[in-house]
Amino acid sequence: DTIIRELSEESPASHTVFIRFLDEGHNPRPNTNSSVFQLM
């Protein structure tokens, strides 16, 4: 919800988003918040 709100306030040219997972992140374990959010 936060990302959607902030992107709506930016011009499309600046739409570069970094998501940093505070874990392994490369191949997150299934059904963790990291794996769910990667797909979301």
All heavy atoms as atom14 arrays in JSON, in Angstrom:
{
  "sequence": "DTIIRELSEESPASHTVFIRFLDEGHNPRPNTNSSVFQLM",
  "atom14_mask": [
    [1, 1, 1, 1, 1, 1, 1, 1, 0, 0, 0, 0, 0, 0],
    [1, 1, 1, 1, 1, 1, 1, 0, 0, 0, 0, 0, 0, 0],
    [1, 1, 1, 1, 1, 1, 1, 1, 0, 0, 0, 0, 0, 0],
    [1, 1, 1, 1, 1, 1, 1, 1, 0, 0, 0, 0, 0, 0],
    [1, 1, 1, 1, 1, 1, 1, 1, 1, 1, 1, 0, 0, 0],
    [1, 1, 1, 1, 1, 1, 1, 1, 1, 0, 0, 0, 0, 0],
    [1, 1, 1, 1, 1, 1, 1, 1, 0, 0, 0, 0, 0, 0],
    [1, 1, 1, 1, 1, 1, 0, 0, 0, 0, 0, 0, 0, 0],
    [1, 1, 1, 1, 1, 1, 1, 1, 1, 0, 0, 0, 0, 0],
    [1, 1, 1, 1, 1, 1, 1, 1, 1, 0, 0, 0, 0, 0],
    [1, 1, 1, 1, 1, 1, 0, 0, 0, 0, 0, 0, 0, 0],
    [1, 1, 1, 1, 1, 1, 1, 0, 0, 0, 0, 0, 0, 0],
    [1, 1, 1, 1, 1, 0, 0, 0, 0, 0, 0, 0, 0, 0],
    [1, 1, 1, 1, 1, 1, 0, 0, 0, 0, 0, 0, 0, 0],
    [1, 1, 1, 1, 1, 1, 1, 1, 1, 1, 0, 0, 0, 0],
    [1, 1, 1, 1, 1, 1, 1, 0, 0, 0, 0, 0, 0, 0],
    [1, 1, 1, 1, 1, 1, 1, 0, 0, 0, 0, 0, 0, 0],
    [1, 1, 1, 1, 1, 1, 1, 1, 1, 1, 1, 0, 0, 0],
    [1, 1, 1, 1, 1, 1, 1, 1, 0, 0, 0, 0, 0, 0],
    [1, 1, 1, 1, 1, 1, 1, 1, 1, 1, 1, 0, 0, 0],
    [1, 1, 1, 1, 1, 1, 1, 1, 1, 1, 1, 0, 0, 0],
    [1, 1, 1, 1, 1, 1, 1, 1, 0, 0, 0, 0, 0, 0],
    [1, 1, 1, 1, 1, 1, 1, 1, 0, 0, 0, 0, 0, 0],
    [1, 1, 1, 1, 1, 1, 1, 1, 1, 0, 0, 0, 0, 0],
    [1, 1, 1, 1, 0, 0, 0, 0, 0, 0, 0, 0, 0, 0],
    [1, 1, 1, 1, 1, 1, 1, 1, 1, 1, 0, 0, 0, 0],
    [1, 1, 1, 1, 1, 1, 1, 1, 0, 0, 0, 0, 0, 0],
    [1, 1, 1, 1, 1, 1, 1, 0, 0, 0, 0, 0, 0, 0],
    [1, 1, 1, 1, 1, 1, 1, 1, 1, 1, 1, 0, 0, 0],
    [1, 1, 1, 1, 1, 1, 1, 0, 0, 0, 0, 0, 0, 0],
    [1, 1, 1, 1, 1, 1, 1, 1, 0, 0, 0, 0, 0, 0],
    [1, 1, 1, 1, 1, 1, 1, 0, 0, 0, 0, 0, 0, 0],
    [1, 1, 1, 1, 1, 1, 1, 1, 0, 0, 0, 0, 0, 0],
    [1, 1, 1, 1, 1, 1, 0, 0, 0, 0, 0, 0, 0, 0],
    [1, 1, 1, 1, 1, 1, 0, 0, 0, 0, 0, 0, 0, 0],
    [1, 1, 1, 1, 1, 1, 1, 0, 0, 0, 0, 0, 0, 0],
    [1, 1, 1, 1, 1, 1, 1, 1, 1, 1, 1, 0, 0, 0],
    [1, 1, 1, 1, 1, 1, 1, 1, 1, 0, 0, 0, 0, 0],
    [1, 1, 1, 1, 1, 1, 1, 1, 0, 0, 0, 0, 0, 0],
    [1, 1, 1, 1, 1, 1, 1, 1, 0, 0, 0, 0, 0, 0]
  ],
  "atom14_positions": [
    [[0.83, -1.21, 0.0], [0.0, 0.0, 0.0], [0.87, 1.26, 0.0], [0.55, 2.25, -0.68], [-0.92, 0.01, 1.22], [-2.01, -1.06, 1.14], [-2.27, -1.56, 0.03], [-2.58, -1.39, 2.19], [0.0, 0.0, 0.0], [0.0, 0.0, 0.0], [0.0, 0.0, 0.0], [0.0, 0.0, 0.0], [0.0, 0.0, 0.0], [0.0, 0.0, 0.0]],
    [[1.96, 1.22, 0.76], [2.87, 2.37, 0.81], [3.52, 2.62, -0.55], [3.61, 3.76, -1.02], [3.96, 2.14, 1.87], [3.35, 1.98, 3.15], [4.93, 3.32, 1.92], [0.0, 0.0, 0.0], [0.0, 0.0, 0.0], [0.0, 0.0, 0.0], [0.0, 0.0, 0.0], [0.0, 0.0, 0.0], [0.0, 0.0, 0.0], [0.0, 0.0, 0.0]],
    [[3.96, 1.55, -1.2], [4.61, 1.68, -2.52], [3.63, 2.23, -3.54], [3.96, 3.14, -4.32], [5.17, 0.32, -2.97], [6.34, -0.09, -2.06], [5.64, 0.39, -4.43], [6.86, -1.48, -2.33], [0.0, 0.0, 0.0], [0.0, 0.0, 0.0], [0.0, 0.0, 0.0], [0.0, 0.0, 0.0], [0.0, 0.0, 0.0], [0.0, 0.0, 0.0]],
    [[2.42, 1.71, -3.56], [1.41, 2.19, -4.51], [1.16, 3.67, -4.31], [1.07, 4.46, -5.27], [0.11, 1.38, -4.36], [0.33, -0.07, -4.81], [-1.02, 2.02, -5.16], [-0.84, -0.99, -4.52], [0.0, 0.0, 0.0], [0.0, 0.0, 0.0], [0.0, 0.0, 0.0], [0.0, 0.0, 0.0], [0.0, 0.0, 0.0], [0.0, 0.0, 0.0]],
    [[1.05, 4.1, -3.05], [0.79, 5.5, -2.76], [1.95, 6.38, -3.21], [1.75, 7.43, -3.84], [0.55, 5.68, -1.26], [0.19, 7.12, -0.87], [-0.13, 7.25, 0.61], [1.01, 6.93, 1.46], [1.14, 5.82, 2.18], [0.18, 4.89, 2.14], [2.2, 5.61, 2.94], [0.0, 0.0, 0.0], [0.0, 0.0, 0.0], [0.0, 0.0, 0.0]],
    [[3.17, 5.97, -2.91], [4.33, 6.81, -3.26], [4.56, 6.86, -4.77], [4.96, 7.89, -5.3], [5.57, 6.31, -2.52], [5.5, 6.52, -1.02], [6.87, 6.65, -0.38], [7.82, 7.03, -1.08], [6.98, 6.35, 0.82], [0.0, 0.0, 0.0], [0.0, 0.0, 0.0], [0.0, 0.0, 0.0], [0.0, 0.0, 0.0], [0.0, 0.0, 0.0]],
    [[4.32, 5.75, -5.47], [4.49, 5.77, -6.91], [3.47, 6.67, -7.58], [3.76, 7.3, -8.6], [4.38, 4.35, -7.49], [5.6, 3.46, -7.31], [5.32, 2.06, -7.85], [6.82, 4.04, -8.02], [0.0, 0.0, 0.0], [0.0, 0.0, 0.0], [0.0, 0.0, 0.0], [0.0, 0.0, 0.0], [0.0, 0.0, 0.0], [0.0, 0.0, 0.0]],
    [[2.28, 6.77, -7.01], [1.26, 7.63, -7.59], [1.63, 9.1, -7.49], [1.1, 9.95, -8.22], [-0.09, 7.39, -6.9], [-0.05, 7.85, -5.55], [0.0, 0.0, 0.0], [0.0, 0.0, 0.0], [0.0, 0.0, 0.0], [0.0, 0.0, 0.0], [0.0, 0.0, 0.0], [0.0, 0.0, 0.0], [0.0, 0.0, 0.0], [0.0, 0.0, 0.0]],
    [[2.56, 9.42, -6.59], [2.98, 10.8, -6.4], [4.21, 11.17, -7.21], [4.65, 12.31, -7.21], [3.26, 11.05, -4.91], [2.04, 10.85, -4.01], [2.38, 10.88, -2.54], [3.59, 10.98, -2.21], [1.45, 10.8, -1.72], [0.0, 0.0, 0.0], [0.0, 0.0, 0.0], [0.0, 0.0, 0.0], [0.0, 0.0, 0.0], [0.0, 0.0, 0.0]],
    [[4.79, 10.17, -7.91], [6.0, 10.4, -8.69], [5.68, 10.4, -10.18], [4.72, 9.78, -10.63], [7.03, 9.29, -8.4], [7.5, 9.24, -6.96], [8.46, 10.36, -6.63], [9.2, 10.79, -7.52], [8.44, 10.83, -5.48], [0.0, 0.0, 0.0], [0.0, 0.0, 0.0], [0.0, 0.0, 0.0], [0.0, 0.0, 0.0], [0.0, 0.0, 0.0]],
    [[6.51, 11.08, -10.97], [6.37, 11.0, -12.42], [6.89, 9.65, -12.88], [7.84, 9.11, -12.3], [7.15, 12.13, -13.09], [8.54, 11.96, -12.87], [0.0, 0.0, 0.0], [0.0, 0.0, 0.0], [0.0, 0.0, 0.0], [0.0, 0.0, 0.0], [0.0, 0.0, 0.0], [0.0, 0.0, 0.0], [0.0, 0.0, 0.0], [0.0, 0.0, 0.0]],
    [[6.29, 9.05, -13.93], [6.72, 7.73, -14.39], [8.21, 7.64, -14.69], [8.83, 6.59, -14.53], [5.87, 7.5, -15.65], [4.66, 8.35, -15.43], [5.14, 9.56, -14.69], [0.0, 0.0, 0.0], [0.0, 0.0, 0.0], [0.0, 0.0, 0.0], [0.0, 0.0, 0.0], [0.0, 0.0, 0.0], [0.0, 0.0, 0.0], [0.0, 0.0, 0.0]],
    [[8.83, 8.75, -15.12], [10.26, 8.72, -15.48], [11.14, 8.38, -14.29], [12.27, 7.92, -14.46], [10.67, 10.06, -16.08], [0.0, 0.0, 0.0], [0.0, 0.0, 0.0], [0.0, 0.0, 0.0], [0.0, 0.0, 0.0], [0.0, 0.0, 0.0], [0.0, 0.0, 0.0], [0.0, 0.0, 0.0], [0.0, 0.0, 0.0], [0.0, 0.0, 0.0]],
    [[10.64, 8.65, -13.07], [11.47, 8.4, -11.9], [11.07, 7.12, -11.16], [11.44, 6.92, -10.02], [11.37, 9.6, -10.94], [10.03, 9.75, -10.48], [0.0, 0.0, 0.0], [0.0, 0.0, 0.0], [0.0, 0.0, 0.0], [0.0, 0.0, 0.0], [0.0, 0.0, 0.0], [0.0, 0.0, 0.0], [0.0, 0.0, 0.0], [0.0, 0.0, 0.0]],
    [[10.3, 6.27, -11.82], [9.81, 5.07, -11.16], [10.88, 3.99, -11.11], [10.84, 3.0, -11.85], [8.54, 4.56, -11.85], [7.34, 5.39, -11.53], [6.07, 5.06, -11.93], [7.21, 6.56, -10.84], [5.21, 5.97, -11.5], [5.88, 6.89, -10.85], [0.0, 0.0, 0.0], [0.0, 0.0, 0.0], [0.0, 0.0, 0.0], [0.0, 0.0, 0.0]],
    [[11.84, 4.17, -10.25], [12.84, 3.14, -9.96], [12.69, 2.8, -8.48], [12.81, 3.67, -7.62], [14.26, 3.63, -10.25], [14.37, 3.98, -11.63], [15.27, 2.53, -9.93], [0.0, 0.0, 0.0], [0.0, 0.0, 0.0], [0.0, 0.0, 0.0], [0.0, 0.0, 0.0], [0.0, 0.0, 0.0], [0.0, 0.0, 0.0], [0.0, 0.0, 0.0]],
    [[12.42, 1.53, -8.21], [12.12, 1.09, -6.85], [13.11, 0.02, -6.44], [13.34, -0.94, -7.19], [10.68, 0.56, -6.74], [10.41, 0.03, -5.33], [9.67, 1.64, -7.11], [0.0, 0.0, 0.0], [0.0, 0.0, 0.0], [0.0, 0.0, 0.0], [0.0, 0.0, 0.0], [0.0, 0.0, 0.0], [0.0, 0.0, 0.0], [0.0, 0.0, 0.0]],
    [[13.7, 0.18, -5.26], [14.57, -0.82, -4.66], [13.85, -1.44, -3.47], [13.38, -0.71, -2.59], [15.89, -0.21, -4.2], [16.82, 0.19, -5.31], [16.67, 1.41, -5.96], [17.87, -0.65, -5.69], [17.53, 1.78, -6.98], [18.72, -0.29, -6.72], [18.56, 0.93, -7.36], [0.0, 0.0, 0.0], [0.0, 0.0, 0.0], [0.0, 0.0, 0.0]],
    [[13.75, -2.76, -3.45], [13.21, -3.48, -2.3], [14.34, -4.31, -1.7], [14.89, -5.19, -2.38], [12.05, -4.43, -2.68], [11.0, -3.7, -3.52], [11.45, -5.06, -1.42], [10.22, -2.67, -2.78], [0.0, 0.0, 0.0], [0.0, 0.0, 0.0], [0.0, 0.0, 0.0], [0.0, 0.0, 0.0], [0.0, 0.0, 0.0], [0.0, 0.0, 0.0]],
    [[14.7, -4.0, -0.47], [15.78, -4.72, 0.21], [15.17, -5.64, 1.26], [14.54, -5.2, 2.21], [16.74, -3.72, 0.86], [17.93, -4.34, 1.6], [18.88, -3.21, 2.0], [20.0, -3.68, 2.78], [20.11, -3.53, 4.1], [19.13, -2.93, 4.78], [21.17, -3.97, 4.74], [0.0, 0.0, 0.0], [0.0, 0.0, 0.0], [0.0, 0.0, 0.0]],
    [[15.32, -6.94, 1.03], [14.83, -7.93, 1.99], [15.89, -8.15, 3.06], [17.07, -8.36, 2.75], [14.5, -9.24, 1.29], [13.39, -9.11, 0.27], [13.67, -9.07, -1.08], [12.08, -9.01, 0.68], [12.66, -8.94, -2.02], [11.05, -8.87, -0.24], [11.34, -8.84, -1.6], [0.0, 0.0, 0.0], [0.0, 0.0, 0.0], [0.0, 0.0, 0.0]],
    [[15.48, -8.08, 4.3], [16.44, -8.2, 5.4], [16.7, -9.66, 5.74], [16.64, -10.09, 6.88], [15.92, -7.42, 6.62], [15.62, -5.94, 6.34], [15.11, -5.25, 7.6], [16.85, -5.22, 5.79], [0.0, 0.0, 0.0], [0.0, 0.0, 0.0], [0.0, 0.0, 0.0], [0.0, 0.0, 0.0], [0.0, 0.0, 0.0], [0.0, 0.0, 0.0]],
    [[16.99, -10.41, 4.7], [17.33, -11.83, 4.83], [18.11, -12.24, 3.59], [18.7, -11.39, 2.92], [16.08, -12.7, 5.04], [15.04, -12.51, 3.94], [15.41, -12.07, 2.83], [13.85, -12.8, 4.18], [0.0, 0.0, 0.0], [0.0, 0.0, 0.0], [0.0, 0.0, 0.0], [0.0, 0.0, 0.0], [0.0, 0.0, 0.0], [0.0, 0.0, 0.0]],
    [[18.1, -13.5, 3.26], [18.9, -13.99, 2.13], [18.47, -13.36, 0.82], [19.29, -12.9, 0.04], [18.81, -15.52, 2.07], [19.83, -16.17, 1.14], [19.37, -16.21, -0.3], [18.15, -16.18, -0.54], [20.24, -16.23, -1.19], [0.0, 0.0, 0.0], [0.0, 0.0, 0.0], [0.0, 0.0, 0.0], [0.0, 0.0, 0.0], [0.0, 0.0, 0.0]],
    [[17.19, -13.37, 0.53], [16.65, -12.59, -0.57], [16.84, -13.16, -1.96], [16.0, -12.96, -2.83], [0.0, 0.0, 0.0], [0.0, 0.0, 0.0], [0.0, 0.0, 0.0], [0.0, 0.0, 0.0], [0.0, 0.0, 0.0], [0.0, 0.0, 0.0], [0.0, 0.0, 0.0], [0.0, 0.0, 0.0], [0.0, 0.0, 0.0], [0.0, 0.0, 0.0]],
    [[17.95, -13.84, -2.22], [18.23, -14.35, -3.57], [17.24, -15.45, -3.93], [16.61, -15.4, -4.98], [19.67, -14.88, -3.63], [20.26, -14.9, -5.0], [21.3, -14.07, -5.38], [19.96, -15.63, -6.09], [21.62, -14.31, -6.65], [20.81, -15.25, -7.1], [0.0, 0.0, 0.0], [0.0, 0.0, 0.0], [0.0, 0.0, 0.0], [0.0, 0.0, 0.0]],
    [[17.13, -16.41, -3.06], [16.16, -17.5, -3.22], [15.43, -17.67, -1.89], [15.71, -18.6, -1.13], [16.85, -18.8, -3.62], [17.44, -18.73, -5.01], [16.79, -18.37, -5.97], [18.72, -19.09, -5.12], [0.0, 0.0, 0.0], [0.0, 0.0, 0.0], [0.0, 0.0, 0.0], [0.0, 0.0, 0.0], [0.0, 0.0, 0.0], [0.0, 0.0, 0.0]],
    [[14.5, -16.77, -1.57], [13.86, -16.83, -0.25], [13.08, -18.12, -0.05], [12.56, -18.71, -1.01], [12.92, -15.62, -0.27], [12.7, -15.32, -1.71], [13.97, -15.69, -2.4], [0.0, 0.0, 0.0], [0.0, 0.0, 0.0], [0.0, 0.0, 0.0], [0.0, 0.0, 0.0], [0.0, 0.0, 0.0], [0.0, 0.0, 0.0], [0.0, 0.0, 0.0]],
    [[13.02, -18.58, 1.19], [12.28, -19.8, 1.5], [10.8, -19.62, 1.15], [10.25, -18.53, 1.33], [12.41, -20.15, 2.98], [13.83, -20.49, 3.41], [13.86, -21.02, 4.83], [13.22, -20.1, 5.77], [13.83, -19.03, 6.29], [15.08, -18.76, 5.96], [13.19, -18.26, 7.15], [0.0, 0.0, 0.0], [0.0, 0.0, 0.0], [0.0, 0.0, 0.0]],
    [[10.15, -20.67, 0.65], [8.73, -20.57, 0.28], [7.87, -20.13, 1.47], [8.16, -20.48, 2.61], [8.38, -21.99, -0.17], [9.68, -22.62, -0.54], [10.7, -22.02, 0.37], [0.0, 0.0, 0.0], [0.0, 0.0, 0.0], [0.0, 0.0, 0.0], [0.0, 0.0, 0.0], [0.0, 0.0, 0.0], [0.0, 0.0, 0.0], [0.0, 0.0, 0.0]],
    [[6.84, -19.36, 1.15], [5.82, -18.95, 2.11], [6.32, -17.98, 3.18], [5.65, -17.76, 4.18], [5.16, -20.16, 2.78], [4.53, -21.09, 1.75], [3.89, -20.64, 0.8], [4.73, -22.39, 1.92], [0.0, 0.0, 0.0], [0.0, 0.0, 0.0], [0.0, 0.0, 0.0], [0.0, 0.0, 0.0], [0.0, 0.0, 0.0], [0.0, 0.0, 0.0]],
    [[7.52, -17.44, 3.01], [7.98, -16.36, 3.89], [7.46, -15.04, 3.31], [7.05, -14.97, 2.15], [9.5, -16.33, 3.99], [10.04, -16.12, 2.66], [10.05, -17.63, 4.56], [0.0, 0.0, 0.0], [0.0, 0.0, 0.0], [0.0, 0.0, 0.0], [0.0, 0.0, 0.0], [0.0, 0.0, 0.0], [0.0, 0.0, 0.0], [0.0, 0.0, 0.0]],
    [[7.51, -13.99, 4.12], [7.09, -12.68, 3.62], [7.92, -12.24, 2.43], [7.42, -11.59, 1.51], [7.16, -11.64, 4.74], [6.01, -11.77, 5.71], [5.08, -12.55, 5.51], [6.05, -11.0, 6.79], [0.0, 0.0, 0.0], [0.0, 0.0, 0.0], [0.0, 0.0, 0.0], [0.0, 0.0, 0.0], [0.0, 0.0, 0.0], [0.0, 0.0, 0.0]],
    [[9.2, -12.62, 2.42], [10.06, -12.26, 1.29], [9.58, -12.91, 0.01], [9.47, -12.27, -1.04], [11.51, -12.67, 1.57], [12.07, -11.9, 2.61], [0.0, 0.0, 0.0], [0.0, 0.0, 0.0], [0.0, 0.0, 0.0], [0.0, 0.0, 0.0], [0.0, 0.0, 0.0], [0.0, 0.0, 0.0], [0.0, 0.0, 0.0], [0.0, 0.0, 0.0]],
    [[9.29, -14.22, 0.05], [8.86, -14.92, -1.16], [7.49, -14.43, -1.61], [7.24, -14.27, -2.82], [8.84, -16.43, -0.92], [7.88, -16.79, 0.04], [0.0, 0.0, 0.0], [0.0, 0.0, 0.0], [0.0, 0.0, 0.0], [0.0, 0.0, 0.0], [0.0, 0.0, 0.0], [0.0, 0.0, 0.0], [0.0, 0.0, 0.0], [0.0, 0.0, 0.0]],
    [[6.59, -14.18, -0.67], [5.26, -13.67, -1.02], [5.37, -12.3, -1.67], [4.74, -12.03, -2.7], [4.36, -13.62, 0.23], [3.07, -12.85, -0.06], [4.04, -15.02, 0.73], [0.0, 0.0, 0.0], [0.0, 0.0, 0.0], [0.0, 0.0, 0.0], [0.0, 0.0, 0.0], [0.0, 0.0, 0.0], [0.0, 0.0, 0.0], [0.0, 0.0, 0.0]],
    [[6.2, -11.44, -1.09], [6.28, -10.07, -1.59], [7.02, -10.0, -2.92], [6.71, -9.14, -3.75], [6.94, -9.15, -0.56], [6.74, -7.71, -0.86], [5.53, -7.1, -0.57], [7.73, -6.94, -1.44], [5.31, -5.76, -0.85], [7.53, -5.61, -1.72], [6.32, -5.01, -1.43], [0.0, 0.0, 0.0], [0.0, 0.0, 0.0], [0.0, 0.0, 0.0]],
    [[8.0, -10.87, -3.14], [8.7, -10.9, -4.43], [7.68, -11.01, -5.56], [7.76, -10.29, -6.56], [9.65, -12.11, -4.49], [10.86, -12.03, -3.59], [12.09, -11.47, -4.28], [12.0, -10.79, -5.29], [13.26, -11.74, -3.73], [0.0, 0.0, 0.0], [0.0, 0.0, 0.0], [0.0, 0.0, 0.0], [0.0, 0.0, 0.0], [0.0, 0.0, 0.0]],
    [[6.74, -11.94, -5.42], [5.74, -12.16, -6.46], [4.72, -11.02, -6.49], [4.33, -10.54, -7.56], [5.04, -13.5, -6.22], [4.16, -14.02, -7.36], [4.97, -14.17, -8.64], [3.54, -15.36, -6.97], [0.0, 0.0, 0.0], [0.0, 0.0, 0.0], [0.0, 0.0, 0.0], [0.0, 0.0, 0.0], [0.0, 0.0, 0.0], [0.0, 0.0, 0.0]],
    [[4.31, -10.55, -5.32], [3.31, -9.49, -5.22], [3.78, -8.22, -5.93], [3.03, -7.62, -6.72], [3.03, -9.21, -3.74], [1.9, -8.23, -3.49], [1.75, -7.82, -1.71], [1.37, -9.42, -1.02], [0.0, 0.0, 0.0], [0.0, 0.0, 0.0], [0.0, 0.0, 0.0], [0.0, 0.0, 0.0], [0.0, 0.0, 0.0], [0.0, 0.0, 0.0]]
  ]
}
